[in-house]
PDB file of N, CA and C in Angstrom:
ATOM      1  N   MET A   1       5.727   3.471   6.425  1.00  0.00           N
ATOM      2  CA  MET A   1       4.363   3.504   6.914  1.00  0.00           C
ATOM      3  C   MET A   1       3.439   3.155   5.750  1.00  0.00           C
ATOM      4  N   ARG A   2       2.398   2.436   6.068  1.00  0.00           N
ATOM      5  CA  ARG A   2       1.411   2.049   5.065  1.00  0.00           C
ATOM      6  C   ARG A   2       0.062   2.648   5.428  1.00  0.00           C
ATOM      7  N   VAL A   3      -0.811   2.690   4.441  1.00  0.00           N
ATOM      8  CA  VAL A   3      -2.139   3.258   4.664  1.00  0.00           C
ATOM      9  C   VAL A   3      -2.854   2.513   5.782  1.00  0.00           C
ATOM     10  N   LYS A   4      -2.651   1.210   5.846  1.00  0.00           N
ATOM     11  CA  LYS A   4      -3.333   0.429   6.888  1.00  0.00           C
ATOM     12  C   LYS A   4      -2.860   0.792   8.292  1.00  0.00           C
ATOM     13  N   ASP A   5      -1.761   1.541   8.402  1.00  0.00           N
ATOM     14  CA  ASP A   5      -1.257   1.970   9.701  1.00  0.00           C
ATOM     15  C   ASP A   5      -1.919   3.253  10.201  1.00  0.00           C
ATOM     16  N   LEU A   6      -2.797   3.830   9.400  1.00  0.00           N
ATOM     17  CA  LEU A   6      -3.510   5.054   9.774  1.00  0.00           C
ATOM     18  C   LEU A   6      -4.901   4.705  10.268  1.00  0.00           C
ATOM     19  N   ASP A   7      -5.274   5.239  11.406  1.00  0.00           N
ATOM     20  CA  ASP A   7      -6.619   5.064  11.933  1.00  0.00           C
ATOM     21  C   ASP A   7      -7.229   6.447  12.116  1.00  0.00           C
ATOM     22  N   PHE A   8      -7.993   6.870  11.104  1.00  0.00           N
ATOM     23  CA  PHE A   8      -8.578   8.210  11.132  1.00  0.00           C
ATOM     24  C   PHE A   8      -9.620   8.343  12.238  1.00  0.00           C
ATOM     25  N   GLY A   9     -10.368   7.299  12.486  1.00  0.00           N
ATOM     26  CA  GLY A   9     -11.408   7.342  13.511  1.00  0.00           C
ATOM     27  C   GLY A   9     -10.861   7.584  14.909  1.00  0.00           C
ATOM     28  N   ARG A  10      -9.757   6.948  15.215  1.00  0.00           N
ATOM     29  CA  ARG A  10      -9.142   7.101  16.536  1.00  0.00           C
ATOM     30  C   ARG A  10      -8.048   8.157  16.555  1.00  0.00           C
ATOM     31  N   GLY A  11      -7.675   8.664  15.364  1.00  0.00           N
ATOM     32  CA  GLY A  11      -6.622   9.668  15.302  1.00  0.00           C
ATOM     33  C   GLY A  11      -5.258   9.119  15.672  1.00  0.00           C
ATOM     34  N   GLU A  12      -4.948   7.910  15.164  1.00  0.00           N
ATOM     35  CA  GLU A  12      -3.705   7.248  15.532  1.00  0.00           C
ATOM     36  C   GLU A  12      -2.930   6.777  14.306  1.00  0.00           C
ATOM     37  N   ILE A  13      -1.621   6.718  14.472  1.00  0.00           N
ATOM     38  CA  ILE A  13      -0.720   6.126  13.484  1.00  0.00           C
ATOM     39  C   ILE A  13       0.010   5.002  14.198  1.00  0.00           C
ATOM     40  N   THR A  14       0.050   3.826  13.594  1.00  0.00           N
ATOM     41  CA  THR A  14       0.798   2.708  14.151  1.00  0.00           C
ATOM     42  C   THR A  14       2.175   2.687  13.500  1.00  0.00           C
ATOM     43  N   MET A  15       3.193   2.754  14.321  1.00  0.00           N
ATOM     44  CA  MET A  15       4.569   2.650  13.853  1.00  0.00           C
ATOM     45  C   MET A  15       4.995   1.215  14.126  1.00  0.00           C
ATOM     46  N   ARG A  16       5.266   0.476  13.063  1.00  0.00           N
ATOM     47  CA  ARG A  16       5.546  -0.953  13.200  1.00  0.00           C
ATOM     48  C   ARG A  16       7.041  -1.245  13.278  1.00  0.00           C
ATOM     49  N   ASP A  17       7.370  -2.274  14.047  1.00  0.00           N
ATOM     50  CA  ASP A  17       8.748  -2.770  14.157  1.00  0.00           C
ATOM     51  C   ASP A  17       9.730  -1.694  14.578  1.00  0.00           C
ATOM     52  N   GLY A  18       9.394  -0.960  15.592  1.00  0.00           N
ATOM     53  CA  GLY A  18      10.290   0.062  16.126  1.00  0.00           C
ATOM     54  C   GLY A  18      11.387  -0.554  16.978  1.00  0.00           C
ATOM     55  N   LYS A  19      12.008   0.273  17.766  1.00  0.00           N
ATOM     56  CA  LYS A  19      13.075  -0.187  18.642  1.00  0.00           C
ATOM     57  C   LYS A  19      12.568  -1.337  19.505  1.00  0.00           C
ATOM     58  N   GLY A  20      13.342  -2.388  19.567  1.00  0.00           N
ATOM     59  CA  GLY A  20      12.927  -3.566  20.321  1.00  0.00           C
ATOM     60  C   GLY A  20      11.891  -4.390  19.574  1.00  0.00           C
ATOM     61  N   GLN A  21      11.743  -4.142  18.278  1.00  0.00           N
ATOM     62  CA  GLN A  21      10.785  -4.862  17.432  1.00  0.00           C
ATOM     63  C   GLN A  21       9.357  -4.741  17.958  1.00  0.00           C
ATOM     64  N   LYS A  22       9.036  -3.580  18.535  1.00  0.00           N
ATOM     65  CA  LYS A  22       7.699  -3.355  19.071  1.00  0.00           C
ATOM     66  C   LYS A  22       6.941  -2.363  18.201  1.00  0.00           C
ATOM     67  N   ASP A  23       5.639  -2.558  18.125  1.00  0.00           N
ATOM     68  CA  ASP A  23       4.767  -1.595  17.465  1.00  0.00           C
ATOM     69  C   ASP A  23       4.403  -0.511  18.473  1.00  0.00           C
ATOM     70  N   ARG A  24       4.311   0.714  17.982  1.00  0.00           N
ATOM     71  CA  ARG A  24       3.943   1.826  18.858  1.00  0.00           C
ATOM     72  C   ARG A  24       2.889   2.668  18.186  1.00  0.00           C
ATOM     73  N   LEU A  25       2.097   3.355  19.011  1.00  0.00           N
ATOM     74  CA  LEU A  25       1.073   4.259  18.507  1.00  0.00           C
ATOM     75  C   LEU A  25       1.507   5.697  18.752  1.00  0.00           C
ATOM     76  N   THR A  26       1.141   6.557  17.812  1.00  0.00           N
ATOM     77  CA  THR A  26       1.346   7.984  17.988  1.00  0.00           C
ATOM     78  C   THR A  26       0.115   8.702  17.449  1.00  0.00           C
ATOM     79  N   MET A  27       0.019   9.985  17.726  1.00  0.00           N
ATOM     80  CA  MET A  27      -1.154  10.760  17.321  1.00  0.00           C
ATOM     81  C   MET A  27      -1.118  11.094  15.832  1.00  0.00           C
ATOM     82  N   LEU A  28      -2.278  11.120  15.231  1.00  0.00           N
ATOM     83  CA  LEU A  28      -2.459  11.680  13.898  1.00  0.00           C
ATOM     84  C   LEU A  28      -3.102  13.040  14.124  1.00  0.00           C
ATOM     85  N   ALA A  29      -2.342  14.083  13.876  1.00  0.00           N
ATOM     86  CA  ALA A  29      -2.804  15.441  14.169  1.00  0.00           C
ATOM     87  C   ALA A  29      -4.123  15.736  13.468  1.00  0.00           C
ATOM     88  N   ALA A  30      -5.052  16.334  14.186  1.00  0.00           N
ATOM     89  CA  ALA A  30      -6.370  16.662  13.640  1.00  0.00           C
ATOM     90  C   ALA A  30      -6.254  17.551  12.406  1.00  0.00           C
ATOM     91  N   ALA A  31      -5.294  18.464  12.404  1.00  0.00           N
ATOM     92  CA  ALA A  31      -5.120  19.380  11.272  1.00  0.00           C
ATOM     93  C   ALA A  31      -4.668  18.658  10.004  1.00  0.00           C
ATOM     94  N   LEU A  32      -4.132  17.455  10.147  1.00  0.00           N
ATOM     95  CA  LEU A  32      -3.643  16.709   8.984  1.00  0.00           C
ATOM     96  C   LEU A  32      -4.631  15.672   8.470  1.00  0.00           C
ATOM     97  N   ARG A  33      -5.663  15.404   9.215  1.00  0.00           N
ATOM     98  CA  ARG A  33      -6.574  14.316   8.835  1.00  0.00           C
ATOM     99  C   ARG A  33      -7.231  14.545   7.477  1.00  0.00           C
ATOM    100  N   GLU A  34      -7.876  15.677   7.287  1.00  0.00           N
ATOM    101  CA  GLU A  34      -8.564  15.912   6.009  1.00  0.00           C
ATOM    102  C   GLU A  34      -7.592  16.052   4.834  1.00  0.00           C
ATOM    103  N   PRO A  35      -6.489  16.809   4.982  1.00  0.00           N
ATOM    104  CA  PRO A  35      -5.541  16.849   3.863  1.00  0.00           C
ATOM    105  C   PRO A  35      -4.982  15.468   3.520  1.00  0.00           C
ATOM    106  N   LEU A  36      -4.738  14.641   4.527  1.00  0.00           N
ATOM    107  CA  LEU A  36      -4.231  13.303   4.274  1.00  0.00           C
ATOM    108  C   LEU A  36      -5.288  12.429   3.607  1.00  0.00           C
ATOM    109  N   ARG A  37      -6.526  12.538   4.054  1.00  0.00           N
ATOM    110  CA  ARG A  37      -7.622  11.796   3.398  1.00  0.00           C
ATOM    111  C   ARG A  37      -7.759  12.206   1.937  1.00  0.00           C
ATOM    112  N   ASP A  38      -7.687  13.513   1.680  1.00  0.00           N
ATOM    113  CA  ASP A  38      -7.776  13.997   0.297  1.00  0.00           C
ATOM    114  C   ASP A  38      -6.644  13.434  -0.557  1.00  0.00           C
ATOM    115  N   HIS A  39      -5.448  13.441  -0.009  1.00  0.00           N
ATOM    116  CA  HIS A  39      -4.299  12.899  -0.731  1.00  0.00           C
ATOM    117  C   HIS A  39      -4.492  11.408  -1.036  1.00  0.00           C
ATOM    118  N   LEU A  40      -4.951  10.651  -0.048  1.00  0.00           N
ATOM    119  CA  LEU A  40      -5.158   9.218  -0.247  1.00  0.00           C
ATOM    120  C   LEU A  40      -6.262   8.947  -1.270  1.00  0.00           C
ATOM    121  N   ARG A  41      -7.290   9.778  -1.287  1.00  0.00           N
ATOM    122  CA  ARG A  41      -8.348   9.633  -2.303  1.00  0.00           C
ATOM    123  C   ARG A  41      -7.781   9.854  -3.701  1.00  0.00           C
ATOM    124  N   GLN A  42      -6.942  10.889  -3.846  1.00  0.00           N
ATOM    125  CA  GLN A  42      -6.329  11.163  -5.147  1.00  0.00           C
ATOM    126  C   GLN A  42      -5.439  10.008  -5.586  1.00  0.00           C
ATOM    127  N   GLU A  43      -4.665   9.478  -4.648  1.00  0.00           N
ATOM    128  CA  GLU A  43      -3.797   8.349  -4.974  1.00  0.00           C
ATOM    129  C   GLU A  43      -4.612   7.110  -5.334  1.00  0.00           C
ATOM    130  N   ARG A  44      -5.733   6.894  -4.654  1.00  0.00           N
ATOM    131  CA  ARG A  44      -6.603   5.763  -4.969  1.00  0.00           C
ATOM    132  C   ARG A  44      -7.167   5.905  -6.381  1.00  0.00           C
ATOM    133  N   GLU A  45      -7.581   7.112  -6.741  1.00  0.00           N
ATOM    134  CA  GLU A  45      -8.096   7.352  -8.088  1.00  0.00           C
ATOM    135  C   GLU A  45      -7.021   7.080  -9.139  1.00  0.00           C
ATOM    136  N   LEU A  46      -5.802   7.524  -8.886  1.00  0.00           N
ATOM    137  CA  LEU A  46      -4.691   7.274  -9.798  1.00  0.00           C
ATOM    138  C   LEU A  46      -4.418   5.772  -9.905  1.00  0.00           C
ATOM    139  N   HIS A  47      -4.428   5.085  -8.776  1.00  0.00           N
ATOM    140  CA  HIS A  47      -4.208   3.639  -8.773  1.00  0.00           C
ATOM    141  C   HIS A  47      -5.299   2.916  -9.570  1.00  0.00           C
ATOM    142  N   ASP A  48      -6.549   3.292  -9.341  1.00  0.00           N
ATOM    143  CA  ASP A  48      -7.651   2.663 -10.068  1.00  0.00           C
ATOM    144  C   ASP A  48      -7.537   2.916 -11.571  1.00  0.00           C
ATOM    145  N   ALA A  49      -7.145   4.140 -11.947  1.00  0.00           N
ATOM    146  CA  ALA A  49      -6.958   4.458 -13.367  1.00  0.00           C
ATOM    147  C   ALA A  49      -5.824   3.623 -13.957  1.00  0.00           C
ATOM    148  N   ASP A  50      -4.747   3.449 -13.213  1.00  0.00           N
ATOM    149  CA  ASP A  50      -3.639   2.611 -13.678  1.00  0.00           C
ATOM    150  C   ASP A  50      -4.086   1.165 -13.871  1.00  0.00           C
ATOM    151  N   LEU A  51      -4.889   0.656 -12.954  1.00  0.00           N
ATOM    152  CA  LEU A  51      -5.395  -0.711 -13.097  1.00  0.00           C
ATOM    153  C   LEU A  51      -6.256  -0.843 -14.348  1.00  0.00           C
ATOM    154  N   GLN A  52      -7.074   0.176 -14.617  1.00  0.00           N
ATOM    155  CA  GLN A  52      -7.919   0.158 -15.816  1.00  0.00           C
ATOM    156  C   GLN A  52      -7.067   0.152 -17.092  1.00  0.00           C
ATOM    157  N   ARG A  53      -5.892   0.774 -17.030  1.00  0.00           N
ATOM    158  CA  ARG A  53      -4.989   0.820 -18.186  1.00  0.00           C
ATOM    159  C   ARG A  53      -4.156  -0.456 -18.294  1.00  0.00           C
ATOM    160  N   GLY A  54      -4.322  -1.366 -17.355  1.00  0.00           N
ATOM    161  CA  GLY A  54      -3.600  -2.628 -17.412  1.00  0.00           C
ATOM    162  C   GLY A  54      -2.300  -2.636 -16.636  1.00  0.00           C
ATOM    163  N   LEU A  55      -1.984  -1.560 -15.952  1.00  0.00           N
ATOM    164  CA  LEU A  55      -0.776  -1.529 -15.134  1.00  0.00           C
ATOM    165  C   LEU A  55      -1.083  -2.208 -13.809  1.00  0.00           C
ATOM    166  N   ARG A  56      -0.248  -3.133 -13.398  1.00  0.00           N
ATOM    167  CA  ARG A  56      -0.545  -3.916 -12.208  1.00  0.00           C
ATOM    168  C   ARG A  56       0.427  -3.699 -11.069  1.00  0.00           C
ATOM    169  N   ARG A  57       1.666  -3.372 -11.357  1.00  0.00           N
ATOM    170  CA  ARG A  57       2.673  -3.282 -10.309  1.00  0.00           C
ATOM    171  C   ARG A  57       3.541  -2.051 -10.511  1.00  0.00           C
ATOM    172  N   ALA A  58       4.113  -1.600  -9.437  1.00  0.00           N
ATOM    173  CA  ALA A  58       5.056  -0.495  -9.504  1.00  0.00           C
ATOM    174  C   ALA A  58       6.414  -1.014  -9.962  1.00  0.00           C
ATOM    175  N   PRO A  59       7.185  -0.173 -10.648  1.00  0.00           N
ATOM    176  CA  PRO A  59       8.544  -0.593 -11.022  1.00  0.00           C
ATOM    177  C   PRO A  59       9.360  -0.901  -9.767  1.00  0.00           C
ATOM    178  N   LEU A  60      10.196  -1.923  -9.858  1.00  0.00           N
ATOM    179  CA  LEU A  60      11.008  -2.335  -8.717  1.00  0.00           C
ATOM    180  C   LEU A  60      12.491  -2.233  -9.073  1.00  0.00           C
ATOM    181  N   PRO A  61      13.337  -2.126  -8.070  1.00  0.00           N
ATOM    182  CA  PRO A  61      14.780  -2.072  -8.323  1.00  0.00           C
ATOM    183  C   PRO A  61      15.270  -3.322  -9.026  1.00  0.00           C
ATOM    184  N   PHE A  62      16.400  -3.195  -9.714  1.00  0.00           N
ATOM    185  CA  PHE A  62      17.011  -4.315 -10.423  1.00  0.00           C
ATOM    186  C   PHE A  62      17.180  -5.497  -9.482  1.00  0.00           C
ATOM    187  N   GLY A  63      16.810  -6.669  -9.939  1.00  0.00           N
ATOM    188  CA  GLY A  63      16.980  -7.885  -9.154  1.00  0.00           C
ATOM    189  C   GLY A  63      15.764  -8.247  -8.316  1.00  0.00           C
ATOM    190  N   ALA A  64      14.951  -7.275  -7.955  1.00  0.00           N
ATOM    191  CA  ALA A  64      13.794  -7.565  -7.107  1.00  0.00           C
ATOM    192  C   ALA A  64      12.729  -8.338  -7.866  1.00  0.00           C
ATOM    193  N   THR A  65      12.722  -8.244  -9.199  1.00  0.00           N
ATOM    194  CA  THR A  65      11.693  -8.935  -9.973  1.00  0.00           C
ATOM    195  C   THR A  65      11.820 -10.450  -9.863  1.00  0.00           C
ATOM    196  N   SER A  66      12.992 -10.955  -9.527  1.00  0.00           N
ATOM    197  CA  SER A  66      13.145 -12.401  -9.402  1.00  0.00           C
ATOM    198  C   SER A  66      12.401 -12.959  -8.195  1.00  0.00           C
ATOM    199  N   LEU A  67      11.968 -12.077  -7.305  1.00  0.00           N
ATOM    200  CA  LEU A  67      11.234 -12.514  -6.124  1.00  0.00           C
ATOM    201  C   LEU A  67       9.737 -12.585  -6.363  1.00  0.00           C
ATOM    202  N   LEU A  68       9.283 -12.043  -7.479  1.00  0.00           N
ATOM    203  CA  LEU A  68       7.845 -11.961  -7.754  1.00  0.00           C
ATOM    204  C   LEU A  68       7.375 -13.139  -8.586  1.00  0.00           C
ATOM    205  N   PRO A  69       6.116 -13.531  -8.399  1.00  0.00           N
ATOM    206  CA  PRO A  69       5.574 -14.623  -9.212  1.00  0.00           C
ATOM    207  C   PRO A  69       5.268 -14.154 -10.630  1.00  0.00           C
ATOM    208  N   SER A  70       5.539 -15.020 -11.613  1.00  0.00           N
ATOM    209  CA  SER A  70       5.169 -14.693 -12.987  1.00  0.00           C
ATOM    210  C   SER A  70       3.704 -15.029 -13.222  1.00  0.00           C
ATOM    211  N   GLU A  71       3.182 -15.922 -12.407  1.00  0.00           N
ATOM    212  CA  GLU A  71       1.773 -16.292 -12.458  1.00  0.00           C
ATOM    213  C   GLU A  71       1.203 -16.174 -11.056  1.00  0.00           C
ATOM    214  N   PRO A  72      -0.063 -15.752 -10.957  1.00  0.00           N
ATOM    215  CA  PRO A  72      -0.673 -15.675  -9.630  1.00  0.00           C
ATOM    216  C   PRO A  72      -0.586 -17.019  -8.925  1.00  0.00           C
ATOM    217  N   GLY A  73      -0.215 -16.995  -7.657  1.00  0.00           N
ATOM    218  CA  GLY A  73      -0.149 -18.217  -6.872  1.00  0.00           C
ATOM    219  C   GLY A  73       1.180 -18.924  -6.892  1.00  0.00           C
ATOM    220  N   LYS A  74       2.125 -18.463  -7.747  1.00  0.00           N
ATOM    221  CA  LYS A  74       3.448 -19.067  -7.799  1.00  0.00           C
ATOM    222  C   LYS A  74       4.471 -18.063  -7.295  1.00  0.00           C
ATOM    223  N   ALA A  75       5.239 -18.445  -6.310  1.00  0.00           N
ATOM    224  CA  ALA A  75       6.211 -17.527  -5.723  1.00  0.00           C
ATOM    225  C   ALA A  75       7.581 -17.698  -6.347  1.00  0.00           C
ATOM    226  N   GLY A  76       8.289 -16.561  -6.490  1.00  0.00           N
ATOM    227  CA  GLY A  76       9.689 -16.576  -6.875  1.00  0.00           C
ATOM    228  C   GLY A  76       9.998 -17.084  -8.259  1.00  0.00           C
ATOM    229  N   THR A  77       9.127 -16.867  -9.243  1.00  0.00           N
ATOM    230  CA  THR A  77       9.384 -17.356 -10.589  1.00  0.00           C
ATOM    231  C   THR A  77       9.739 -16.241 -11.557  1.00  0.00           C
ATOM    232  N   GLY A  78       9.985 -15.026 -11.048  1.00  0.00           N
ATOM    233  CA  GLY A  78      10.515 -13.963 -11.890  1.00  0.00           C
ATOM    234  C   GLY A  78       9.514 -13.270 -12.769  1.00  0.00           C
ATOM    235  N   GLY A  79       8.342 -12.957 -12.272  1.00  0.00           N
ATOM    236  CA  GLY A  79       7.330 -12.311 -13.090  1.00  0.00           C
ATOM    237  C   GLY A  79       7.652 -10.886 -13.449  1.00  0.00           C
ATOM    238  N   GLY A  80       8.051 -10.091 -12.491  1.00  0.00           N
ATOM    239  CA  GLY A  80       8.407  -8.707 -12.767  1.00  0.00           C
ATOM    240  C   GLY A  80       7.201  -7.799 -12.857  1.00  0.00           C
ATOM    241  N   PRO A  81       7.470  -6.498 -13.011  1.00  0.00           N
ATOM    242  CA  PRO A  81       6.405  -5.505 -13.069  1.00  0.00           C
ATOM    243  C   PRO A  81       5.498  -5.703 -14.281  1.00  0.00           C
ATOM    244  N   GLY A  82       4.248  -5.378 -14.107  1.00  0.00           N
ATOM    245  CA  GLY A  82       3.309  -5.388 -15.215  1.00  0.00           C
ATOM    246  C   GLY A  82       2.590  -6.693 -15.436  1.00  0.00           C
ATOM    247  N   GLY A  83       2.998  -7.762 -14.805  1.00  0.00           N
ATOM    248  CA  GLY A  83       2.355  -9.041 -15.048  1.00  0.00           C
ATOM    249  C   GLY A  83       1.663  -9.557 -13.812  1.00  0.00           C
ATOM    250  N   GLY A  84       0.838 -10.557 -14.011  1.00  0.00           N
ATOM    251  CA  GLY A  84       0.198 -11.198 -12.866  1.00  0.00           C
ATOM    252  C   GLY A  84      -0.838 -10.324 -12.201  1.00  0.00           C
ATOM    253  N   GLU A  85      -1.150 -10.673 -10.989  1.00  0.00           N
ATOM    254  CA  GLU A  85      -2.159  -9.963 -10.213  1.00  0.00           C
ATOM    255  C   GLU A  85      -1.519  -8.849  -9.404  1.00  0.00           C
ATOM    256  N   SER A  86      -2.354  -7.999  -8.847  1.00  0.00           N
ATOM    257  CA  SER A  86      -1.836  -6.949  -7.982  1.00  0.00           C
ATOM    258  C   SER A  86      -1.277  -7.568  -6.712  1.00  0.00           C
ATOM    259  N   ALA A  87      -0.495  -6.805  -5.997  1.00  0.00           N
ATOM    260  CA  ALA A  87       0.196  -7.292  -4.811  1.00  0.00           C
ATOM    261  C   ALA A  87      -0.786  -7.791  -3.758  1.00  0.00           C
ATOM    262  N   PRO A  88      -0.372  -8.764  -2.935  1.00  0.00           N
ATOM    263  CA  PRO A  88      -1.238  -9.240  -1.859  1.00  0.00           C
ATOM    264  C   PRO A  88      -1.619  -8.093  -0.941  1.00  0.00           C
ATOM    265  N   GLY A  89      -2.880  -8.047  -0.566  1.00  0.00           N
ATOM    266  CA  GLY A  89      -3.335  -6.999   0.331  1.00  0.00           C
ATOM    267  C   GLY A  89      -3.736  -5.718  -0.374  1.00  0.00           C
ATOM    268  N   ALA A  90      -3.522  -5.642  -1.685  1.00  0.00           N
ATOM    269  CA  ALA A  90      -3.867  -4.423  -2.407  1.00  0.00           C
ATOM    270  C   ALA A  90      -5.358  -4.184  -2.309  1.00  0.00           C
ATOM    271  N   GLY A  91      -5.733  -2.953  -2.080  1.00  0.00           N
ATOM    272  CA  GLY A  91      -7.124  -2.598  -2.001  1.00  0.00           C
ATOM    273  C   GLY A  91      -7.685  -2.597  -0.598  1.00  0.00           C
ATOM    274  N   GLN A  92      -6.974  -3.112   0.373  1.00  0.00           N
ATOM    275  CA  GLN A  92      -7.496  -3.161   1.741  1.00  0.00           C
ATOM    276  C   GLN A  92      -7.639  -1.771   2.339  1.00  0.00           C
ATOM    277  N   GLU A  93      -6.789  -0.835   1.904  1.00  0.00           N
ATOM    278  CA  GLU A  93      -6.851   0.488   2.493  1.00  0.00           C
ATOM    279  C   GLU A  93      -8.097   1.260   2.085  1.00  0.00           C
ATOM    280  N   GLY A  94      -8.814   0.807   1.077  1.00  0.00           N
ATOM    281  CA  GLY A  94     -10.018   1.502   0.627  1.00  0.00           C
ATOM    282  C   GLY A  94     -11.050   1.651   1.729  1.00  0.00           C
ATOM    283  N   ALA A  95     -11.110   0.711   2.652  1.00  0.00           N
ATOM    284  CA  ALA A  95     -12.076   0.773   3.737  1.00  0.00           C
ATOM    285  C   ALA A  95     -11.795   1.951   4.666  1.00  0.00           C
ATOM    286  N   LEU A  96     -10.534   2.356   4.743  1.00  0.00           N
ATOM    287  CA  LEU A  96     -10.185   3.477   5.612  1.00  0.00           C
ATOM    288  C   LEU A  96     -10.665   4.803   5.056  1.00  0.00           C
ATOM    289  N   LEU A  97     -10.875   4.854   3.753  1.00  0.00           N
ATOM    290  CA  LEU A  97     -11.219   6.115   3.100  1.00  0.00           C
ATOM    291  C   LEU A  97     -12.717   6.357   3.069  1.00  0.00           C
ATOM    292  N   SER A  98     -13.481   5.383   3.429  1.00  0.00           N
ATOM    293  CA  SER A  98     -14.948   5.517   3.360  1.00  0.00           C
ATOM    294  C   SER A  98     -15.469   6.404   4.453  1.00  0.00           C
TER     295      SER A  98
END
């Protein structure tokens, strides 16, 4: 599950690629909304601090680095963690936290 799969306004979680390759919706319990928002805010702050320190990517399993670009815009050239730009789509979840 990704942050973009949470809809706090509607109280829904989107479960992607379930049985039959279908997306499904389920409830986001009201009792979990604020604790989850708080957790996501803390994680966003940690992520922003890491970016300020020059950290760009999370460590990946052995061999997965060969799939990453070493330069922004180039695919599959073996960049690995710590180099290049942040992952595609990074930062989109910030709108959910507002």
